[in-house]
C-alpha atoms as a PDB file:
ATOM      1  CA  MET A   1      75.311  66.111 -71.007  1.00  0.00           C
ATOM      2  CA  SER A   2      72.488  68.181 -69.658  1.00  0.00           C
ATOM      3  CA  ASP A   3      72.965  71.618 -68.145  1.00  0.00           C
ATOM      4  CA  PHE A   4      72.395  70.166 -64.672  1.00  0.00           C
ATOM      5  CA  GLU A   5      75.163  67.602 -65.145  1.00  0.00           C
ATOM      6  CA  LYS A   6      77.547  70.228 -66.530  1.00  0.00           C
ATOM      7  CA  GLY A   7      76.846  72.501 -63.570  1.00  0.00           C
ATOM      8  CA  ILE A   8      77.534  69.685 -61.073  1.00  0.00           C
ATOM      9  CA  GLN A   9      80.734  68.733 -62.908  1.00  0.00           C
ATOM     10  CA  SER A  10      82.078  72.267 -62.938  1.00  0.00           C
ATOM     11  CA  GLU A  11      81.185  72.735 -59.251  1.00  0.00           C
ATOM     12  CA  LEU A  12      83.031  69.522 -58.320  1.00  0.00           C
ATOM     13  CA  GLN A  13      86.080  70.512 -60.341  1.00  0.00           C
ATOM     14  CA  ASN A  14      86.168  73.974 -58.688  1.00  0.00           C
ATOM     15  CA  SER A  15      85.839  72.436 -55.211  1.00  0.00           C
ATOM     16  CA  GLU A  16      88.641  70.022 -56.064  1.00  0.00           C
ATOM     17  CA  LEU A  17      90.974  72.886 -56.870  1.00  0.00           C
ATOM     18  CA  HIS A  18      90.287  74.608 -53.566  1.00  0.00           C
ATOM     19  CA  LEU A  19      90.822  71.701 -51.139  1.00  0.00           C
ATOM     20  CA  ARG A  20      92.765  72.296 -47.935  1.00  0.00           C
ATOM     21  CA  GLN A  21      96.294  70.939 -47.775  1.00  0.00           C
ATOM     22  CA  ASP A  22      95.609  68.486 -44.916  1.00  0.00           C
ATOM     23  CA  VAL A  23      92.651  66.971 -46.821  1.00  0.00           C
ATOM     24  CA  CYS A  24      94.840  66.574 -49.923  1.00  0.00           C
ATOM     25  CA  GLU A  25      97.546  64.842 -47.892  1.00  0.00           C
ATOM     26  CA  GLU A  26      95.019  62.509 -46.259  1.00  0.00           C
ATOM     27  CA  LEU A  27      93.522  61.584 -49.625  1.00  0.00           C
ATOM     28  CA  GLN A  28      97.007  60.991 -51.028  1.00  0.00           C
ATOM     29  CA  THR A  29      97.871  58.716 -48.067  1.00  0.00           C
ATOM     30  CA  MET A  30      94.688  56.675 -48.551  1.00  0.00           C
ATOM     31  CA  ARG A  31      95.400  56.389 -52.279  1.00  0.00           C
ATOM     32  CA  ARG A  32      98.917  55.081 -51.638  1.00  0.00           C
ATOM     33  CA  ALA A  33      97.613  52.575 -49.078  1.00  0.00           C
ATOM     34  CA  ALA A  34      95.002  51.309 -51.518  1.00  0.00           C
ATOM     35  CA  LEU A  35      97.558  50.924 -54.289  1.00  0.00           C
ATOM     36  CA  ALA A  36     100.009  49.165 -51.970  1.00  0.00           C
ATOM     37  CA  THR A  37      97.574  46.249 -51.472  1.00  0.00           C
ATOM     38  CA  PRO A  38      99.057  43.220 -53.216  1.00  0.00           C
ATOM     39  CA  GLU A  39      96.960  42.467 -56.270  1.00  0.00           C
ATOM     40  CA  PRO A  40      97.539  38.672 -56.538  1.00  0.00           C
ATOM     41  CA  TRP A  41      96.171  38.031 -53.029  1.00  0.00           C
ATOM     42  CA  TRP A  42      93.045  40.040 -53.793  1.00  0.00           C
ATOM     43  CA  ARG A  43      92.440  38.106 -56.993  1.00  0.00           C
ATOM     44  CA  LEU A  44      93.122  34.809 -55.272  1.00  0.00           C
ATOM     45  CA  ARG A  45      90.730  35.624 -52.437  1.00  0.00           C
ATOM     46  CA  ARG A  46      87.977  36.519 -54.888  1.00  0.00           C
ATOM     47  CA  ILE A  47      88.407  33.186 -56.671  1.00  0.00           C
ATOM     48  CA  VAL A  48      88.983  30.882 -53.692  1.00  0.00           C
ATOM     49  CA  TRP A  49      85.641  31.417 -51.899  1.00  0.00           C
ATOM     50  CA  PRO A  50      83.305  30.671 -54.830  1.00  0.00           C
ATOM     51  CA  THR A  51      85.500  27.769 -55.945  1.00  0.00           C
ATOM     52  CA  THR A  52      85.516  26.270 -52.456  1.00  0.00           C
ATOM     53  CA  GLY A  53      81.746  26.656 -52.200  1.00  0.00           C
ATOM     54  CA  MET A  54      81.135  24.931 -55.525  1.00  0.00           C
ATOM     55  CA  ALA A  55      83.515  22.098 -54.648  1.00  0.00           C
ATOM     56  CA  LEU A  56      81.790  21.570 -51.301  1.00  0.00           C
ATOM     57  CA  ALA A  57      78.327  21.619 -52.891  1.00  0.00           C
ATOM     58  CA  SER A  58      79.455  19.093 -55.506  1.00  0.00           C
ATOM     59  CA  LEU A  59      80.918  16.831 -52.836  1.00  0.00           C
ATOM     60  CA  ILE A  60      77.706  16.919 -50.812  1.00  0.00           C
ATOM     61  CA  ALA A  61      75.652  16.145 -53.933  1.00  0.00           C
ATOM     62  CA  VAL A  62      77.850  13.170 -54.813  1.00  0.00           C
ATOM     63  CA  VAL A  63      77.688  11.800 -51.269  1.00  0.00           C
ATOM     64  CA  LEU A  64      73.904  12.130 -51.165  1.00  0.00           C
ATOM     65  CA  ILE A  65      73.491  10.451 -54.545  1.00  0.00           C
ATOM     66  CA  LEU A  66      75.801   7.573 -53.697  1.00  0.00           C
ATOM     67  CA  ASN A  67      74.278   7.023 -50.254  1.00  0.00           C
ATOM     68  CA  THR A  68      70.666   6.785 -51.388  1.00  0.00           C
ATOM     69  CA  ASP A  69      70.987   3.659 -53.552  1.00  0.00           C
ATOM     70  CA  PRO A  70      72.548   1.318 -50.968  1.00  0.00           C
ATOM     71  CA  ALA A  71      70.107   2.481 -48.324  1.00  0.00           C
ATOM     72  CA  ARG A  72      67.126   1.637 -50.509  1.00  0.00           C
ATOM     73  CA  ASN A  73      68.541  -1.757 -51.437  1.00  0.00           C
ATOM     74  CA  SER A  74      69.243  -2.671 -47.823  1.00  0.00           C
ATOM     75  CA  GLU A  75      65.738  -1.695 -46.648  1.00  0.00           C
ATOM     76  CA  GLN A  76      63.805  -3.590 -49.313  1.00  0.00           C
ATOM     77  CA  PRO A  77      64.828  -7.128 -48.268  1.00  0.00           C
ATOM     78  CA  ALA A  78      64.128  -6.269 -44.643  1.00  0.00           C
ATOM     79  CA  VAL A  79      60.599  -5.164 -45.534  1.00  0.00           C
ATOM     80  CA  LYS A  80      59.999  -8.342 -47.551  1.00  0.00           C
ATOM     81  CA  GLU A  81      61.230 -10.492 -44.692  1.00  0.00           C
ATOM     82  CA  LYS A  82      59.071  -8.636 -42.216  1.00  0.00           C
ATOM     83  CA  TYR A  83      55.836  -9.149 -44.129  1.00  0.00           C
ATOM     84  CA  SER A  84      56.557 -12.570 -45.631  1.00  0.00           C
ATOM     85  CA  ASP A  85      55.333 -14.377 -42.496  1.00  0.00           C
ATOM     86  CA  ASN A  86      51.847 -12.904 -42.788  1.00  0.00           C
ATOM     87  CA  PHE A  87      51.190 -14.299 -46.271  1.00  0.00           C
ATOM     88  CA  ASP A  88      50.233 -17.674 -44.784  1.00  0.00           C
ATOM     89  CA  LEU A  89      47.338 -15.937 -43.058  1.00  0.00           C
ATOM     90  CA  TYR A  90      45.998 -14.637 -46.357  1.00  0.00           C
ATOM     91  CA  GLU A  91      46.228 -18.066 -48.023  1.00  0.00           C
ATOM     92  CA  ASN A  92      43.865 -19.570 -45.406  1.00  0.00           C
ATOM     93  CA  LEU A  93      41.584 -16.545 -45.214  1.00  0.00           C
ATOM     94  CA  ASP A  94      38.480 -18.488 -46.350  1.00  0.00           C
ATOM     95  CA  PHE A  95      38.985 -20.976 -43.561  1.00  0.00           C
ATOM     96  CA  TYR A  96      39.172 -18.206 -40.987  1.00  0.00           C
ATOM     97  CA  TYR A  97      35.963 -16.630 -42.338  1.00  0.00           C
ATOM     98  CA  TRP A  98      34.197 -20.031 -42.100  1.00  0.00           C
ATOM     99  CA  LEU A  99      35.501 -20.493 -38.573  1.00  0.00           C
ATOM    100  CA  ALA A 100      34.312 -17.040 -37.512  1.00  0.00           C
ATOM    101  CA  ASN A 101      30.828 -17.649 -38.923  1.00  0.00           C
ATOM    102  CA  GLY A 102      30.644 -21.002 -37.115  1.00  0.00           C
ATOM    103  CA  GLU A 103      31.460 -19.342 -33.786  1.00  0.00           C
ATOM    104  CA  ASN A 104      28.689 -16.816 -34.335  1.00  0.00           C
ATOM    105  CA  ASP A 105      26.210 -19.659 -34.984  1.00  0.00           C
ATOM    106  CA  ILE A 106      27.268 -21.453 -31.815  1.00  0.00           C
ATOM    107  CA  ARG A 107      26.888 -18.349 -29.645  1.00  0.00           C
ATOM    108  CA  GLY A 108      23.791 -16.964 -31.286  1.00  0.00           C
END
């Protein structure tokens, strides 16, 4: 320990010896109240909150993972059905180009 630390320590010890009686009684009362707190509840409370949070986060993750697959599978057939009608248009695309050119010749 340095000289500064030794000086602080000795000053604190001297001030501790010369405390007023009412301050000593108040400190003693607070010490007894702190020691009277039931230890199992404090330990349980410190464990319950993080455990509950992790369980909730895991539950949310599982629900999100399980919900994404059926949603994708149900949307894909709907998209195929929606655009399947327009494929006939693309099969006859040459005919439509020929028809459009013929209309331009008639007008022009």
